[in-house]
C-alpha atoms as a PDB file:
ATOM      1  CA  MET A   1     131.530 112.095 130.189  1.00  0.00           C
ATOM      2  CA  LEU A   2     129.489 109.935 127.864  1.00  0.00           C
ATOM      3  CA  ALA A   3     127.645 108.329 130.798  1.00  0.00           C
ATOM      4  CA  VAL A   4     126.780 111.780 132.206  1.00  0.00           C
ATOM      5  CA  SER A   5     125.556 112.876 128.759  1.00  0.00           C
ATOM      6  CA  LEU A   6     123.429 109.732 128.434  1.00  0.00           C
ATOM      7  CA  LEU A   7     122.033 110.261 131.915  1.00  0.00           C
ATOM      8  CA  LEU A   8     120.983 113.808 131.011  1.00  0.00           C
ATOM      9  CA  LEU A   9     119.550 112.755 127.644  1.00  0.00           C
ATOM     10  CA  ALA A  10     117.674 109.830 129.178  1.00  0.00           C
ATOM     11  CA  SER A  11     116.265 111.804 132.107  1.00  0.00           C
ATOM     12  CA  PRO A  12     112.937 112.614 130.341  1.00  0.00           C
ATOM     13  CA  ILE A  13     112.563 108.924 129.488  1.00  0.00           C
ATOM     14  CA  GLY A  14     113.422 107.995 133.071  1.00  0.00           C
ATOM     15  CA  LEU A  15     110.815 110.436 134.375  1.00  0.00           C
ATOM     16  CA  ALA A  16     108.216 108.929 132.033  1.00  0.00           C
ATOM     17  CA  ALA A  17     109.145 105.443 133.305  1.00  0.00           C
ATOM     18  CA  PHE A  18     108.767 106.608 136.923  1.00  0.00           C
ATOM     19  CA  ALA A  19     105.388 108.167 136.055  1.00  0.00           C
ATOM     20  CA  ALA A  20     104.203 104.920 134.434  1.00  0.00           C
ATOM     21  CA  MET A  21     105.319 102.938 137.495  1.00  0.00           C
ATOM     22  CA  ALA A  22     103.663 105.412 139.903  1.00  0.00           C
ATOM     23  CA  ILE A  23     100.354 105.331 138.005  1.00  0.00           C
ATOM     24  CA  ASP A  24     100.511 101.544 137.891  1.00  0.00           C
ATOM     25  CA  MET A  25     101.122 101.367 141.662  1.00  0.00           C
ATOM     26  CA  LEU A  26      98.208 103.727 142.308  1.00  0.00           C
ATOM     27  CA  LEU A  27      95.794 101.711 140.180  1.00  0.00           C
ATOM     28  CA  VAL A  28      96.952  98.146 140.812  1.00  0.00           C
ATOM     29  CA  PRO A  29      97.567  97.304 144.494  1.00  0.00           C
ATOM     30  CA  ARG A  30      99.550  94.124 143.765  1.00  0.00           C
ATOM     31  CA  ASP A  31     102.037  96.179 141.701  1.00  0.00           C
ATOM     32  CA  ARG A  32     102.979  98.415 144.638  1.00  0.00           C
ATOM     33  CA  GLY A  33     106.500  98.379 146.013  1.00  0.00           C
ATOM     34  CA  PRO A  34     109.825 100.150 145.670  1.00  0.00           C
ATOM     35  CA  PHE A  35     110.829 101.800 142.402  1.00  0.00           C
ATOM     36  CA  PHE A  36     114.300 100.258 142.453  1.00  0.00           C
ATOM     37  CA  HIS A  37     115.659  96.752 142.744  1.00  0.00           C
ATOM     38  CA  ARG A  38     119.272  95.769 143.475  1.00  0.00           C
ATOM     39  CA  GLU A  39     121.040  92.570 142.469  1.00  0.00           C
ATOM     40  CA  ARG A  40     124.506  91.392 143.465  1.00  0.00           C
ATOM     41  CA  ARG A  41     126.656  91.057 140.358  1.00  0.00           C
ATOM     42  CA  ILE A  42     130.315  90.642 139.414  1.00  0.00           C
ATOM     43  CA  SER A  43     132.509  93.142 137.574  1.00  0.00           C
ATOM     44  CA  ARG A  44     136.277  92.590 137.313  1.00  0.00           C
ATOM     45  CA  GLY A  45     136.022  89.948 140.031  1.00  0.00           C
ATOM     46  CA  ARG A  46     134.366  92.339 142.492  1.00  0.00           C
ATOM     47  CA  GLU A  47     130.788  92.167 143.791  1.00  0.00           C
ATOM     48  CA  PHE A  48     128.538  95.208 143.485  1.00  0.00           C
ATOM     49  CA  ASP A  49     124.850  96.102 143.639  1.00  0.00           C
ATOM     50  CA  LEU A  50     123.418  96.430 140.132  1.00  0.00           C
ATOM     51  CA  LEU A  51     120.598  98.988 140.069  1.00  0.00           C
ATOM     52  CA  LYS A  52     117.421  98.324 138.115  1.00  0.00           C
ATOM     53  CA  LEU A  53     113.908  99.674 137.977  1.00  0.00           C
ATOM     54  CA  ARG A  54     111.648  97.089 139.585  1.00  0.00           C
ATOM     55  CA  MET A  55     109.694  95.234 136.898  1.00  0.00           C
ATOM     56  CA  LEU A  56     108.611  92.292 139.070  1.00  0.00           C
ATOM     57  CA  ARG A  57     105.721  92.441 141.490  1.00  0.00           C
ATOM     58  CA  ALA A  58     106.952  92.945 145.074  1.00  0.00           C
ATOM     59  CA  ASP A  59     105.546  89.566 146.189  1.00  0.00           C
ATOM     60  CA  VAL A  60     107.534  87.785 143.457  1.00  0.00           C
ATOM     61  CA  LEU A  61     110.715  89.617 144.456  1.00  0.00           C
ATOM     62  CA  ALA A  62     110.124  88.776 148.116  1.00  0.00           C
ATOM     63  CA  GLY A  63     109.989  85.082 147.212  1.00  0.00           C
ATOM     64  CA  LEU A  64     113.413  85.123 145.563  1.00  0.00           C
ATOM     65  CA  GLY A  65     116.589  84.160 147.369  1.00  0.00           C
ATOM     66  CA  ALA A  66     119.698  86.338 147.515  1.00  0.00           C
ATOM     67  CA  ASP A  67     121.349  84.335 144.705  1.00  0.00           C
ATOM     68  CA  ASP A  68     118.299  84.113 142.432  1.00  0.00           C
ATOM     69  CA  TYR A  69     118.491  85.761 139.014  1.00  0.00           C
ATOM     70  CA  VAL A  70     115.463  87.964 138.269  1.00  0.00           C
ATOM     71  CA  ARG A  71     115.685  87.287 134.528  1.00  0.00           C
ATOM     72  CA  ILE A  72     114.095  83.857 135.057  1.00  0.00           C
ATOM     73  CA  PRO A  73     110.899  85.082 136.798  1.00  0.00           C
ATOM     74  CA  GLU A  74     110.787  88.054 134.392  1.00  0.00           C
ATOM     75  CA  ALA A  75     110.205  85.571 131.568  1.00  0.00           C
ATOM     76  CA  ASP A  76     106.708  84.916 132.974  1.00  0.00           C
ATOM     77  CA  PRO A  77     104.483  87.935 132.204  1.00  0.00           C
ATOM     78  CA  GLY A  78     102.307  87.066 135.221  1.00  0.00           C
ATOM     79  CA  ASN A  79     105.221  87.998 137.497  1.00  0.00           C
ATOM     80  CA  LEU A  80     105.619  91.495 136.057  1.00  0.00           C
ATOM     81  CA  THR A  81     103.853  94.673 137.023  1.00  0.00           C
ATOM     82  CA  ARG A  82     101.703  96.203 134.310  1.00  0.00           C
ATOM     83  CA  ALA A  83     104.247  98.982 133.861  1.00  0.00           C
ATOM     84  CA  GLY A  84     106.990  96.338 133.821  1.00  0.00           C
ATOM     85  CA  ARG A  85     105.426  94.611 130.812  1.00  0.00           C
ATOM     86  CA  LEU A  86     105.645  97.864 128.888  1.00  0.00           C
ATOM     87  CA  LEU A  87     109.004  99.175 130.126  1.00  0.00           C
ATOM     88  CA  LYS A  88     110.905  95.878 129.834  1.00  0.00           C
ATOM     89  CA  ARG A  89     110.413  95.815 126.081  1.00  0.00           C
ATOM     90  CA  TRP A  90     112.642  98.889 125.713  1.00  0.00           C
ATOM     91  CA  TYR A  91     115.096  97.906 128.490  1.00  0.00           C
ATOM     92  CA  LEU A  92     114.069 100.935 130.525  1.00  0.00           C
ATOM     93  CA  ASP A  93     114.667  98.931 133.702  1.00  0.00           C
ATOM     94  CA  GLU A  94     118.381  99.229 132.883  1.00  0.00           C
ATOM     95  CA  LEU A  95     118.506 103.073 133.001  1.00  0.00           C
ATOM     96  CA  PRO A  96     119.591 103.259 136.678  1.00  0.00           C
ATOM     97  CA  GLN A  97     122.766 101.382 135.730  1.00  0.00           C
ATOM     98  CA  LEU A  98     124.111 104.687 134.426  1.00  0.00           C
ATOM     99  CA  ALA A  99     124.629 105.421 138.143  1.00  0.00           C
ATOM    100  CA  ASN A 100     126.623 102.164 138.403  1.00  0.00           C
ATOM    101  CA  ILE A 101     128.806 103.441 135.572  1.00  0.00           C
ATOM    102  CA  LEU A 102     129.344 106.806 137.278  1.00  0.00           C
ATOM    103  CA  ARG A 103     130.306 104.974 140.495  1.00  0.00           C
ATOM    104  CA  GLY A 104     132.883 102.906 138.597  1.00  0.00           C
ATOM    105  CA  ASP A 105     131.108  99.558 139.042  1.00  0.00           C
ATOM    106  CA  MET A 106     130.641  99.139 135.289  1.00  0.00           C
ATOM    107  CA  SER A 107     131.616 100.649 131.961  1.00  0.00           C
ATOM    108  CA  LEU A 108     129.350 101.533 129.054  1.00  0.00           C
ATOM    109  CA  VAL A 109     130.545  98.600 126.916  1.00  0.00           C
ATOM    110  CA  GLY A 110     131.745  95.180 128.002  1.00  0.00           C
ATOM    111  CA  PRO A 111     130.391  91.752 128.936  1.00  0.00           C
ATOM    112  CA  ARG A 112     127.160  92.150 130.914  1.00  0.00           C
ATOM    113  CA  PRO A 113     127.530  91.695 134.694  1.00  0.00           C
ATOM    114  CA  TRP A 114     126.287  88.307 135.811  1.00  0.00           C
ATOM    115  CA  PRO A 115     125.040  87.119 139.204  1.00  0.00           C
ATOM    116  CA  ILE A 116     127.657  85.580 141.479  1.00  0.00           C
ATOM    117  CA  ALA A 117     126.406  81.992 141.158  1.00  0.00           C
ATOM    118  CA  MET A 118     126.400  82.151 137.345  1.00  0.00           C
ATOM    119  CA  VAL A 119     129.936  83.586 137.289  1.00  0.00           C
ATOM    120  CA  SER A 120     131.062  80.759 139.584  1.00  0.00           C
ATOM    121  CA  GLU A 121     129.558  78.193 137.175  1.00  0.00           C
ATOM    122  CA  GLN A 122     131.249  79.870 134.228  1.00  0.00           C
ATOM    123  CA  VAL A 123     134.609  79.936 136.047  1.00  0.00           C
ATOM    124  CA  ALA A 124     134.200  76.234 136.903  1.00  0.00           C
ATOM    125  CA  ALA A 125     133.719  75.619 133.170  1.00  0.00           C
ATOM    126  CA  GLY A 126     137.046  77.369 132.488  1.00  0.00           C
ATOM    127  CA  LEU A 127     135.851  80.856 131.520  1.00  0.00           C
ATOM    128  CA  ASP A 128     137.156  83.426 133.994  1.00  0.00           C
ATOM    129  CA  TYR A 129     136.966  86.576 131.846  1.00  0.00           C
ATOM    130  CA  ARG A 130     134.175  88.100 133.964  1.00  0.00           C
ATOM    131  CA  ASN A 131     136.677  88.260 136.825  1.00  0.00           C
ATOM    132  CA  LEU A 132     139.243  90.021 134.628  1.00  0.00           C
ATOM    133  CA  VAL A 133     137.317  92.784 132.846  1.00  0.00           C
ATOM    134  CA  THR A 134     134.899  95.514 133.839  1.00  0.00           C
ATOM    135  CA  ALA A 135     131.302  94.584 133.110  1.00  0.00           C
ATOM    136  CA  GLY A 136     129.356  96.699 130.637  1.00  0.00           C
ATOM    137  CA  TRP A 137     125.934  98.279 130.348  1.00  0.00           C
ATOM    138  CA  THR A 138     125.795  96.805 126.859  1.00  0.00           C
ATOM    139  CA  GLY A 139     128.111  94.667 124.794  1.00  0.00           C
ATOM    140  CA  PRO A 140     128.539  92.632 121.640  1.00  0.00           C
ATOM    141  CA  ALA A 141     126.119  89.937 122.854  1.00  0.00           C
ATOM    142  CA  GLN A 142     123.341  92.476 123.530  1.00  0.00           C
ATOM    143  CA  VAL A 143     123.365  93.867 119.985  1.00  0.00           C
ATOM    144  CA  THR A 144     122.723  90.462 118.397  1.00  0.00           C
ATOM    145  CA  LYS A 145     119.018  90.617 119.349  1.00  0.00           C
ATOM    146  CA  GLY A 146     117.008  89.686 116.299  1.00  0.00           C
ATOM    147  CA  ALA A 147     120.035  88.337 114.381  1.00  0.00           C
ATOM    148  CA  PRO A 148     119.084  85.232 112.356  1.00  0.00           C
ATOM    149  CA  ASP A 149     122.029  83.142 113.581  1.00  0.00           C
ATOM    150  CA  PRO A 150     123.772  84.913 116.459  1.00  0.00           C
ATOM    151  CA  VAL A 151     127.103  83.674 117.745  1.00  0.00           C
ATOM    152  CA  GLY A 152     127.026  82.535 121.382  1.00  0.00           C
ATOM    153  CA  TYR A 153     127.448  85.187 124.085  1.00  0.00           C
ATOM    154  CA  ALA A 154     130.672  83.646 125.423  1.00  0.00           C
ATOM    155  CA  GLU A 155     132.349  83.777 122.001  1.00  0.00           C
ATOM    156  CA  LEU A 156     131.300  87.416 121.556  1.00  0.00           C
ATOM    157  CA  ASP A 157     132.461  88.322 125.063  1.00  0.00           C
ATOM    158  CA  LEU A 158     135.790  86.558 124.612  1.00  0.00           C
ATOM    159  CA  ALA A 159     136.388  88.300 121.269  1.00  0.00           C
ATOM    160  CA  TYR A 160     135.670  91.642 122.952  1.00  0.00           C
ATOM    161  CA  VAL A 161     138.035  90.893 125.842  1.00  0.00           C
ATOM    162  CA  GLU A 162     140.750  89.931 123.355  1.00  0.00           C
ATOM    163  CA  GLY A 163     140.107  93.174 121.465  1.00  0.00           C
ATOM    164  CA  CYS A 164     140.510  95.138 124.698  1.00  0.00           C
ATOM    165  CA  ARG A 165     143.932  93.533 125.142  1.00  0.00           C
ATOM    166  CA  THR A 166     145.204  93.822 121.583  1.00  0.00           C
ATOM    167  CA  TRP A 167     143.491  96.720 119.777  1.00  0.00           C
ATOM    168  CA  SER A 168     144.746 100.284 119.770  1.00  0.00           C
ATOM    169  CA  ALA A 169     142.796 102.772 121.883  1.00  0.00           C
ATOM    170  CA  PRO A 170     141.265 104.558 118.827  1.00  0.00           C
ATOM    171  CA  ARG A 171     140.098 101.243 117.365  1.00  0.00           C
ATOM    172  CA  LEU A 172     138.540 100.181 120.680  1.00  0.00           C
ATOM    173  CA  VAL A 173     136.788 103.553 121.067  1.00  0.00           C
ATOM    174  CA  ARG A 174     135.373 103.264 117.513  1.00  0.00           C
ATOM    175  CA  TYR A 175     134.200  99.718 118.233  1.00  0.00           C
ATOM    176  CA  ASP A 176     132.582 100.729 121.554  1.00  0.00           C
ATOM    177  CA  LEU A 177     130.813 103.669 119.904  1.00  0.00           C
ATOM    178  CA  GLY A 178     129.519 101.276 117.232  1.00  0.00           C
ATOM    179  CA  ILE A 179     128.180  98.959 119.959  1.00  0.00           C
ATOM    180  CA  LEU A 180     126.402 101.922 121.604  1.00  0.00           C
ATOM    181  CA  VAL A 181     124.821 102.954 118.285  1.00  0.00           C
ATOM    182  CA  ARG A 182     123.699  99.385 117.593  1.00  0.00           C
ATOM    183  CA  THR A 183     122.311  99.154 121.145  1.00  0.00           C
ATOM    184  CA  ALA A 184     120.215 102.265 120.469  1.00  0.00           C
ATOM    185  CA  GLY A 185     118.785 100.456 117.430  1.00  0.00           C
ATOM    186  CA  VAL A 186     117.883  97.390 119.500  1.00  0.00           C
ATOM    187  CA  ILE A 187     116.154  99.629 122.055  1.00  0.00           C
ATOM    188  CA  LEU A 188     114.284 101.682 119.441  1.00  0.00           C
ATOM    189  CA  ARG A 189     113.035  98.492 117.781  1.00  0.00           C
ATOM    190  CA  GLY A 190     111.696  97.310 121.147  1.00  0.00           C
ATOM    191  CA  GLN A 191     113.564  93.998 120.965  1.00  0.00           C
ATOM    192  CA  GLY A 192     113.532  93.435 124.729  1.00  0.00           C
ATOM    193  CA  LEU A 193     111.199  91.009 126.459  1.00  0.00           C
ATOM    194  CA  ARG A 194     107.763  91.086 124.823  1.00  0.00           C
ATOM    195  CA  TYR A 195     104.474  90.168 126.451  1.00  0.00           C
END
């Protein structure tokens, strides 16, 4: 229900993002391409297609392999569309993942879904929690943006997974709602990638 409510509330923002991308594609030929991008990710040990708005230029995306992680080329502003440089700052490329939540691929809160190769590396290092829990749209690691001395993502994820196992349902719901509120603050402050 919360994901449907967020989808409805975010629809004007999503329309504005689509408009910015469409104007960009009309004015800048090298920024033309599909509106959406899919990446294979892991949630509860199962592969799925994570939906994102396309922030990278189509030629950059075409040069990536199936196992490449778009976050790395997104770090170079020259690889982004003009609209992508603006939208990425507020994580608007993540809005389509509300559809992933409605399909049951993800939940609102949990460890972020990682690409298959990165999950394999993490499992080889002894951390298999991404194969045990449902991935989240946001989580404890995402709300540490801007923190002076944030704890590592794995420690935050592991603490959350332990909380899922041991906390009462009301306590977990309160915690998840707090994560969602803090995520809204991160988004409103524009603490995403800056160019």
